[in-house]
Amino acid sequence: MGKLVEVMYVPKKLKWETLGSFKKFLETETTEKVVIYNGYEIITETTRYGLCDSQLSYSPVENPTPKTKRDTNV
C-alpha cells in the first residue's frame, strides 16, 4: 500500500487583518490543526503561514511535528 501524503491547505482568501483572525478561521472553518502559533507565524501539520502588510504567505512544512514520542529519533 502507498504512504498517505498530507496535502497543504491553501486558503482562497489571502488578505487578513491579523494573523490571529486567520488562526481563528483555521480552527473553526477548516480541519487544519494549529501546532504552533507564536504571534508571527502559524504552523500546522502541513503548512507554515505568515502575514506581512495584510498579505498571507504560506509554504509547506519541511519537517512535520512527530505525532508520537515513538516517531522521534531521540
N, C-alpha and C. Protein backbone atom coordinates (compact mmCIF):
# COMPACT_ATOMS: atom_id res chain seq x y z
N MET A 1 0.84 -1.19 0.00
CA MET A 1 0.00 0.00 0.00
C MET A 1 0.88 1.24 0.00
N GLY A 2 0.39 2.30 -0.61
CA GLY A 2 1.12 3.56 -0.66
C GLY A 2 1.04 4.32 0.64
N LYS A 3 1.96 5.21 0.82
CA LYS A 3 2.01 6.05 2.03
C LYS A 3 1.04 7.21 1.87
N LEU A 4 0.28 7.51 2.92
CA LEU A 4 -0.66 8.62 2.90
C LEU A 4 0.11 9.93 2.96
N VAL A 5 -0.12 10.81 2.00
CA VAL A 5 0.56 12.10 1.94
C VAL A 5 -0.42 13.19 2.34
N GLU A 6 -0.04 13.99 3.35
CA GLU A 6 -0.89 15.09 3.76
C GLU A 6 -0.71 16.25 2.79
N VAL A 7 -1.81 16.89 2.43
CA VAL A 7 -1.80 17.98 1.47
C VAL A 7 -1.88 19.31 2.19
N MET A 8 -1.07 20.25 1.74
CA MET A 8 -1.02 21.59 2.31
C MET A 8 -2.34 22.32 2.06
N TYR A 9 -2.88 23.00 3.09
CA TYR A 9 -4.11 23.78 2.93
C TYR A 9 -3.76 25.16 2.38
N VAL A 10 -4.37 25.53 1.26
CA VAL A 10 -4.17 26.84 0.65
C VAL A 10 -5.50 27.58 0.69
N PRO A 11 -5.59 28.64 1.50
CA PRO A 11 -6.86 29.37 1.61
C PRO A 11 -7.14 30.20 0.37
N LYS A 12 -8.43 30.41 0.08
CA LYS A 12 -8.82 31.24 -1.05
C LYS A 12 -8.63 32.71 -0.74
N LYS A 13 -8.91 33.08 0.51
CA LYS A 13 -8.74 34.48 0.93
C LYS A 13 -7.30 34.67 1.39
N LEU A 14 -6.58 35.62 0.77
CA LEU A 14 -5.18 35.82 1.11
C LEU A 14 -4.92 37.14 1.85
N LYS A 15 -5.95 37.97 2.06
CA LYS A 15 -5.79 39.21 2.80
C LYS A 15 -6.49 39.07 4.14
N TRP A 16 -5.74 39.28 5.23
CA TRP A 16 -6.26 39.17 6.59
C TRP A 16 -5.76 40.35 7.40
N GLU A 17 -6.58 40.87 8.29
CA GLU A 17 -6.18 42.00 9.14
C GLU A 17 -5.10 41.59 10.13
N THR A 18 -5.28 40.42 10.75
CA THR A 18 -4.30 39.93 11.73
C THR A 18 -4.08 38.44 11.53
N LEU A 19 -2.95 37.97 12.00
CA LEU A 19 -2.67 36.54 11.95
C LEU A 19 -3.59 35.80 12.92
N GLY A 20 -3.97 36.46 14.01
CA GLY A 20 -4.89 35.86 14.96
C GLY A 20 -6.26 35.58 14.35
N SER A 21 -6.73 36.48 13.48
CA SER A 21 -8.02 36.26 12.83
C SER A 21 -7.93 35.09 11.84
N PHE A 22 -6.78 34.93 11.19
CA PHE A 22 -6.60 33.78 10.30
C PHE A 22 -6.54 32.49 11.11
N LYS A 23 -5.87 32.54 12.26
CA LYS A 23 -5.80 31.37 13.15
C LYS A 23 -7.20 30.93 13.57
N LYS A 24 -8.02 31.89 13.96
CA LYS A 24 -9.39 31.58 14.36
C LYS A 24 -10.16 30.93 13.20
N PHE A 25 -9.96 31.46 11.99
CA PHE A 25 -10.57 30.87 10.79
C PHE A 25 -10.13 29.42 10.61
N LEU A 26 -8.82 29.17 10.72
CA LEU A 26 -8.31 27.81 10.55
C LEU A 26 -8.95 26.85 11.55
N GLU A 27 -9.06 27.30 12.80
CA GLU A 27 -9.56 26.43 13.86
C GLU A 27 -11.07 26.18 13.77
N THR A 28 -11.81 27.12 13.23
CA THR A 28 -13.27 26.98 13.21
C THR A 28 -13.84 26.56 11.87
N GLU A 29 -13.17 26.88 10.78
CA GLU A 29 -13.74 26.65 9.45
C GLU A 29 -13.01 25.59 8.62
N THR A 30 -11.91 25.05 9.14
CA THR A 30 -11.17 24.03 8.38
C THR A 30 -10.85 22.85 9.28
N THR A 31 -10.26 21.83 8.71
CA THR A 31 -9.82 20.67 9.50
C THR A 31 -8.35 20.79 9.91
N GLU A 32 -7.71 21.91 9.57
CA GLU A 32 -6.31 22.13 9.94
C GLU A 32 -6.17 22.22 11.46
N LYS A 33 -5.10 21.64 11.98
CA LYS A 33 -4.80 21.70 13.41
C LYS A 33 -3.57 22.58 13.60
N VAL A 34 -3.73 23.67 14.36
CA VAL A 34 -2.60 24.57 14.64
C VAL A 34 -1.67 23.88 15.63
N VAL A 35 -0.41 23.70 15.24
CA VAL A 35 0.59 23.08 16.09
C VAL A 35 1.35 24.16 16.87
N ILE A 36 1.71 25.25 16.18
CA ILE A 36 2.46 26.36 16.79
C ILE A 36 1.86 27.68 16.33
N TYR A 37 1.62 28.58 17.28
CA TYR A 37 1.24 29.96 16.97
C TYR A 37 2.05 30.83 17.91
N ASN A 38 3.01 31.56 17.36
CA ASN A 38 3.91 32.34 18.20
C ASN A 38 3.77 33.85 17.99
N GLY A 39 2.72 34.27 17.30
CA GLY A 39 2.50 35.69 17.09
C GLY A 39 2.93 36.17 15.72
N TYR A 40 3.95 35.56 15.14
CA TYR A 40 4.39 35.98 13.81
C TYR A 40 4.27 34.88 12.76
N GLU A 41 3.96 33.66 13.20
CA GLU A 41 3.70 32.60 12.24
C GLU A 41 2.78 31.55 12.85
N ILE A 42 2.06 30.86 11.99
CA ILE A 42 1.21 29.74 12.37
C ILE A 42 1.77 28.52 11.67
N ILE A 43 1.96 27.45 12.42
CA ILE A 43 2.43 26.21 11.82
C ILE A 43 1.39 25.13 12.11
N THR A 44 0.91 24.51 11.03
CA THR A 44 0.01 23.37 11.17
C THR A 44 0.82 22.12 10.85
N GLU A 45 0.16 20.98 10.79
CA GLU A 45 0.87 19.74 10.48
C GLU A 45 1.42 19.72 9.06
N THR A 46 0.87 20.56 8.18
CA THR A 46 1.30 20.51 6.78
C THR A 46 1.85 21.84 6.25
N THR A 47 1.50 22.96 6.89
CA THR A 47 1.77 24.27 6.30
C THR A 47 2.26 25.28 7.33
N ARG A 48 3.12 26.20 6.87
CA ARG A 48 3.61 27.32 7.68
C ARG A 48 3.02 28.60 7.07
N TYR A 49 2.36 29.43 7.91
CA TYR A 49 1.71 30.66 7.45
C TYR A 49 2.34 31.87 8.12
N GLY A 50 2.42 32.97 7.39
CA GLY A 50 2.88 34.24 7.93
C GLY A 50 2.05 35.36 7.33
N LEU A 51 2.17 36.57 7.90
CA LEU A 51 1.39 37.70 7.43
C LEU A 51 2.28 38.93 7.37
N CYS A 52 2.25 39.63 6.24
CA CYS A 52 3.02 40.86 6.07
C CYS A 52 2.16 41.82 5.26
N ASP A 53 1.92 43.01 5.80
CA ASP A 53 1.07 44.01 5.14
C ASP A 53 -0.28 43.41 4.74
N SER A 54 -0.87 42.65 5.65
CA SER A 54 -2.18 42.00 5.47
C SER A 54 -2.19 40.91 4.41
N GLN A 55 -1.05 40.58 3.84
CA GLN A 55 -0.97 39.55 2.80
C GLN A 55 -0.46 38.24 3.41
N LEU A 56 -1.26 37.19 3.28
CA LEU A 56 -0.90 35.89 3.83
C LEU A 56 0.13 35.21 2.94
N SER A 57 1.15 34.65 3.56
CA SER A 57 2.11 33.83 2.82
C SER A 57 2.06 32.42 3.42
N TYR A 58 2.42 31.43 2.63
CA TYR A 58 2.38 30.06 3.11
C TYR A 58 3.42 29.23 2.38
N SER A 59 3.87 28.19 3.06
CA SER A 59 4.81 27.25 2.47
C SER A 59 4.63 25.90 3.17
N PRO A 60 5.00 24.82 2.50
CA PRO A 60 4.86 23.50 3.12
C PRO A 60 5.83 23.35 4.29
N VAL A 61 5.42 22.60 5.28
CA VAL A 61 6.29 22.30 6.42
C VAL A 61 7.26 21.22 5.96
N GLU A 62 8.56 21.49 6.12
CA GLU A 62 9.56 20.53 5.65
C GLU A 62 9.71 19.34 6.58
N ASN A 63 9.69 19.58 7.88
CA ASN A 63 9.82 18.52 8.87
C ASN A 63 8.60 18.54 9.77
N PRO A 64 7.55 17.80 9.42
CA PRO A 64 6.34 17.82 10.24
C PRO A 64 6.62 17.41 11.68
N THR A 65 5.85 17.94 12.60
CA THR A 65 5.99 17.62 14.01
C THR A 65 5.65 16.15 14.21
N PRO A 66 6.51 15.40 14.94
CA PRO A 66 6.19 14.00 15.19
C PRO A 66 4.88 13.88 15.95
N LYS A 67 4.06 12.90 15.60
CA LYS A 67 2.77 12.74 16.23
C LYS A 67 2.87 11.99 17.56
N THR A 68 3.88 11.15 17.70
CA THR A 68 4.06 10.41 18.96
C THR A 68 5.53 10.44 19.33
N LYS A 69 5.80 10.14 20.59
CA LYS A 69 7.19 10.10 21.05
C LYS A 69 7.99 9.04 20.29
N ARG A 70 7.34 7.97 19.90
CA ARG A 70 8.00 6.88 19.17
C ARG A 70 8.53 7.37 17.83
N ASP A 71 7.88 8.40 17.22
CA ASP A 71 8.29 8.88 15.91
C ASP A 71 9.56 9.70 15.95
N THR A 72 10.00 10.13 17.14
CA THR A 72 11.22 10.93 17.24
C THR A 72 12.43 10.00 17.25
N ASN A 73 13.54 10.48 16.76
CA ASN A 73 14.77 9.70 16.75
C ASN A 73 15.71 10.14 17.86
N VAL A 74 15.19 10.30 19.05
CA VAL A 74 15.99 10.77 20.19
C VAL A 74 16.48 9.62 20.99
